[in-house]
Amino acid sequence: MEKFVRLEGIAAPLPLTNVDTDMIIPKQFLKTIKRSGLGKALFYELRYNEDGSENPDFILNREPWRKASILVAGENFGCGSSREHAPWALLDFGIRCIIAPSFADIFYNNCFQNGILPVKLPKAEVDRLMAVAESDMPELAVDLEKQQIEAPNGVTIPFDIDPFRKHCLLEGLDDIGLTLQKLDVIEAFEKDYAERFPWL
């Protein structure tokens, strides 16, 4: 998993509440178990017209937000079914950080497992960042080490994060990575176990 230390990039505004995982990536794209290639299906029904052409009014189809790496969203982002394809699609598109007043629990946890930083902030602070994302200079910097978001106008907004989650993102560790940190202990156990119970 790619480390997350500091992210500087375009922030896209998505001022919608209760964005569910089916809106993030519709069910017809869940047939694959590959994490790559799902970015083009992100927000499919909002991004594309019925004939498959791009909807020019959708924010991620417009410059400079086409290159967004940060998403500023409304309350209860990621609700609905627990599909892990949702963070996969966001990450494949290039989104590494989502800022919202609240998240659905399963989606929130899945973000961390896939190297995406979900930041919870009071609605008033999200509204301030939404205004930046909608402006002519929609750039933000998200500093995980300092636990703060920096806007071009000099505004700095601190955020809280669980220390263990922070450590895992800074080091690029998912569950497999955490397990591999104990590889020497696991191998020593397996060697000892095989010697003590050779008939197994």
Protein backbone atom coordinates (compact mmCIF):
# COMPACT_ATOMS: atom_id res chain seq x y z
CA MET A 1 0.00 0.00 0.00
CA GLU A 2 1.30 3.46 -0.89
CA LYS A 3 2.32 5.63 2.06
CA PHE A 4 0.30 8.73 2.87
CA VAL A 5 2.37 11.52 4.41
CA ARG A 6 1.44 14.79 2.73
CA LEU A 7 -0.90 15.30 -0.21
CA GLU A 8 -1.07 18.50 -2.24
CA GLY A 9 -3.65 18.56 -5.00
CA ILE A 10 -6.88 19.68 -6.58
CA ALA A 11 -9.94 19.40 -4.35
CA ALA A 12 -13.25 18.57 -6.01
CA PRO A 13 -16.51 19.70 -4.39
CA LEU A 14 -19.31 17.14 -4.09
CA PRO A 15 -21.92 18.90 -1.93
CA LEU A 16 -24.25 15.92 -1.69
CA THR A 17 -25.38 14.11 1.45
CA ASN A 18 -25.87 10.35 1.78
CA VAL A 19 -23.67 9.47 -1.18
CA ASP A 20 -23.96 5.69 -1.13
CA THR A 21 -21.58 3.09 -2.50
CA ASP A 22 -23.89 2.35 -5.44
CA MET A 23 -23.55 5.98 -6.48
CA ILE A 24 -19.78 5.75 -6.05
CA ILE A 25 -19.61 2.63 -8.22
CA PRO A 26 -22.79 0.97 -9.56
CA LYS A 27 -23.43 -2.74 -9.13
CA GLN A 28 -22.70 -3.68 -12.76
CA PHE A 29 -19.01 -2.96 -12.16
CA LEU A 30 -18.66 -5.33 -9.20
CA LYS A 31 -17.88 -8.43 -11.26
CA THR A 32 -14.13 -7.90 -11.10
CA ILE A 33 -11.82 -8.53 -8.17
CA LYS A 34 -9.10 -6.37 -9.72
CA ARG A 35 -8.45 -3.04 -8.06
CA SER A 36 -7.34 -1.35 -11.28
CA GLY A 37 -9.53 0.00 -14.06
CA LEU A 38 -12.44 0.97 -11.82
CA GLY A 39 -11.66 4.70 -11.88
CA LYS A 40 -13.51 5.18 -15.17
CA ALA A 41 -16.67 3.80 -13.53
CA LEU A 42 -16.45 6.14 -10.52
CA PHE A 43 -19.75 8.06 -10.11
CA TYR A 44 -20.78 6.45 -13.40
CA GLU A 45 -24.40 7.61 -13.43
CA LEU A 46 -23.40 11.19 -12.61
CA ARG A 47 -20.39 11.34 -14.95
CA TYR A 48 -21.95 9.88 -18.08
CA ASN A 49 -25.07 10.43 -20.15
CA GLU A 50 -27.23 7.51 -21.32
CA ASP A 51 -25.35 7.37 -24.64
CA GLY A 52 -22.04 6.97 -22.80
CA SER A 53 -20.82 10.50 -23.44
CA GLU A 54 -19.50 12.61 -20.57
CA ASN A 55 -21.89 14.81 -18.67
CA PRO A 56 -20.20 18.23 -18.97
CA ASP A 57 -21.95 19.50 -15.85
CA PHE A 58 -20.44 16.92 -13.50
CA ILE A 59 -17.51 18.30 -11.54
CA LEU A 60 -15.04 15.48 -12.28
CA ASN A 61 -15.54 16.02 -16.02
CA ARG A 62 -14.39 19.63 -15.81
CA GLU A 63 -10.97 21.23 -15.55
CA PRO A 64 -9.13 21.37 -13.24
CA TRP A 65 -11.20 18.93 -11.18
CA ARG A 66 -10.54 16.09 -13.64
CA LYS A 67 -7.23 15.73 -11.85
CA ALA A 68 -8.66 15.89 -8.33
CA SER A 69 -6.91 13.92 -5.61
CA ILE A 70 -9.06 15.30 -2.78
CA LEU A 71 -12.85 15.12 -2.50
CA VAL A 72 -14.86 17.45 -0.26
CA ALA A 73 -18.25 15.88 0.36
CA GLY A 74 -21.44 16.03 2.42
CA GLU A 75 -22.60 14.06 5.43
CA ASN A 76 -22.81 10.27 5.61
CA PHE A 77 -20.48 9.66 2.69
CA GLY A 78 -20.11 6.00 1.67
CA CYS A 79 -23.39 4.72 3.12
CA GLY A 80 -25.24 1.74 1.66
CA SER A 81 -23.70 -1.65 0.92
CA SER A 82 -20.22 -2.52 2.14
CA ARG A 83 -18.64 -2.98 -1.30
CA GLU A 84 -14.87 -2.51 -1.19
CA HIS A 85 -14.99 -1.60 -4.88
CA ALA A 86 -16.02 1.91 -3.76
CA PRO A 87 -12.62 2.87 -2.29
CA TRP A 88 -10.93 0.93 -5.11
CA ALA A 89 -12.71 3.12 -7.69
CA LEU A 90 -11.88 6.33 -5.84
CA LEU A 91 -8.23 5.36 -5.52
CA ASP A 92 -7.97 4.25 -9.14
CA PHE A 93 -9.37 7.62 -10.23
CA GLY A 94 -6.71 9.33 -8.12
CA ILE A 95 -8.62 10.33 -4.96
CA ARG A 96 -6.36 9.87 -1.90
CA CYS A 97 -8.32 11.94 0.64
CA ILE A 98 -12.03 12.50 1.33
CA ILE A 99 -13.16 15.27 3.65
CA ALA A 100 -16.70 15.11 5.04
CA PRO A 101 -18.67 15.76 8.22
CA SER A 102 -19.37 12.03 8.61
CA PHE A 103 -18.83 8.66 6.93
CA ALA A 104 -20.54 5.28 6.97
CA ASP A 105 -18.50 3.05 9.30
CA ILE A 106 -17.64 0.22 6.89
CA PHE A 107 -16.66 2.59 4.10
CA TYR A 108 -14.59 4.64 6.56
CA ASN A 109 -12.63 1.55 7.62
CA ASN A 110 -12.24 0.35 4.02
CA CYS A 111 -10.63 3.67 3.11
CA PHE A 112 -7.81 3.14 5.58
CA GLN A 113 -7.28 -0.41 4.32
CA ASN A 114 -6.75 0.95 0.81
CA GLY A 115 -4.52 3.94 1.51
CA ILE A 116 -7.22 6.63 1.42
CA LEU A 117 -7.39 9.17 4.24
CA PRO A 118 -10.98 9.95 5.30
CA VAL A 119 -11.06 13.17 7.33
CA LYS A 120 -14.02 13.97 9.57
CA LEU A 121 -14.58 17.67 10.27
CA PRO A 122 -17.45 19.76 11.64
CA LYS A 123 -19.85 20.83 8.91
CA ALA A 124 -18.82 24.48 9.23
CA GLU A 125 -15.20 23.56 8.48
CA VAL A 126 -16.24 21.33 5.58
CA ASP A 127 -18.28 24.22 4.19
CA ARG A 128 -15.18 26.43 4.29
CA LEU A 129 -13.19 23.82 2.37
CA MET A 130 -16.10 23.27 -0.02
CA ALA A 131 -15.89 26.98 -0.90
CA VAL A 132 -12.18 26.58 -1.66
CA ALA A 133 -12.89 23.50 -3.81
CA GLU A 134 -15.50 25.48 -5.78
CA SER A 135 -13.18 28.45 -6.32
CA ASP A 136 -10.71 29.33 -9.08
CA MET A 137 -7.88 28.02 -6.85
CA PRO A 138 -9.25 24.67 -5.68
CA GLU A 139 -6.02 23.41 -4.17
CA LEU A 140 -5.54 21.96 -0.70
CA ALA A 141 -2.67 20.37 1.17
CA VAL A 142 -3.41 17.54 3.58
CA ASP A 143 -0.56 16.92 6.03
CA LEU A 144 -1.07 13.68 7.93
CA GLU A 145 2.02 14.07 10.11
CA LYS A 146 0.85 17.49 11.33
CA GLN A 147 -2.83 16.47 11.16
CA GLN A 148 -3.89 19.60 9.35
CA ILE A 149 -5.43 20.79 6.09
CA GLU A 150 -3.96 23.90 4.48
CA ALA A 151 -5.85 26.15 2.05
CA PRO A 152 -4.32 28.70 -0.38
CA ASN A 153 -5.82 31.59 1.59
CA GLY A 154 -3.67 30.72 4.60
CA VAL A 155 -6.42 28.92 6.50
CA THR A 156 -5.19 25.86 8.41
CA ILE A 157 -7.71 23.38 9.80
CA PRO A 158 -6.57 20.66 12.25
CA PHE A 159 -8.16 17.21 12.25
CA ASP A 160 -8.18 14.21 14.58
CA ILE A 161 -7.24 10.69 13.61
CA ASP A 162 -6.74 7.47 15.54
CA PRO A 163 -2.98 7.08 16.24
CA PHE A 164 -2.92 3.49 14.97
CA ARG A 165 -4.67 4.44 11.72
CA LYS A 166 -2.24 7.33 11.32
CA HIS A 167 0.75 5.04 11.81
CA CYS A 168 -0.53 2.56 9.24
CA LEU A 169 -1.10 5.24 6.60
CA LEU A 170 2.26 6.93 7.23
CA GLU A 171 4.01 3.57 6.87
CA GLY A 172 1.81 2.24 4.05
CA LEU A 173 0.63 -0.76 6.09
CA ASP A 174 -2.57 -2.68 5.43
CA ASP A 175 -3.46 -5.87 7.37
CA ILE A 176 -1.05 -7.95 5.29
CA GLY A 177 1.73 -5.43 5.78
CA LEU A 178 1.15 -5.41 9.53
CA THR A 179 1.28 -9.21 9.59
CA LEU A 180 4.52 -9.28 7.60
CA GLN A 181 6.14 -7.07 10.22
CA LYS A 182 5.94 -10.13 12.50
CA LEU A 183 7.33 -12.50 9.87
CA ASP A 184 10.33 -13.55 11.96
CA VAL A 185 8.06 -14.43 14.91
CA ILE A 186 5.67 -16.35 12.63
CA GLU A 187 8.50 -18.31 11.01
CA ALA A 188 10.05 -19.14 14.42
CA PHE A 189 6.66 -20.39 15.64
CA GLU A 190 6.15 -22.55 12.54
CA LYS A 191 9.65 -24.04 12.85
CA ASP A 192 9.14 -24.84 16.55
CA TYR A 193 5.66 -26.23 15.91
CA ALA A 194 6.92 -28.51 13.13
CA GLU A 195 9.70 -29.84 15.40
CA ARG A 196 7.34 -30.50 18.31
CA PHE A 197 4.61 -32.07 16.19
CA PRO A 198 6.36 -33.67 13.20
CA TRP A 199 3.43 -36.01 12.53
CA LEU A 200 1.12 -33.14 11.65
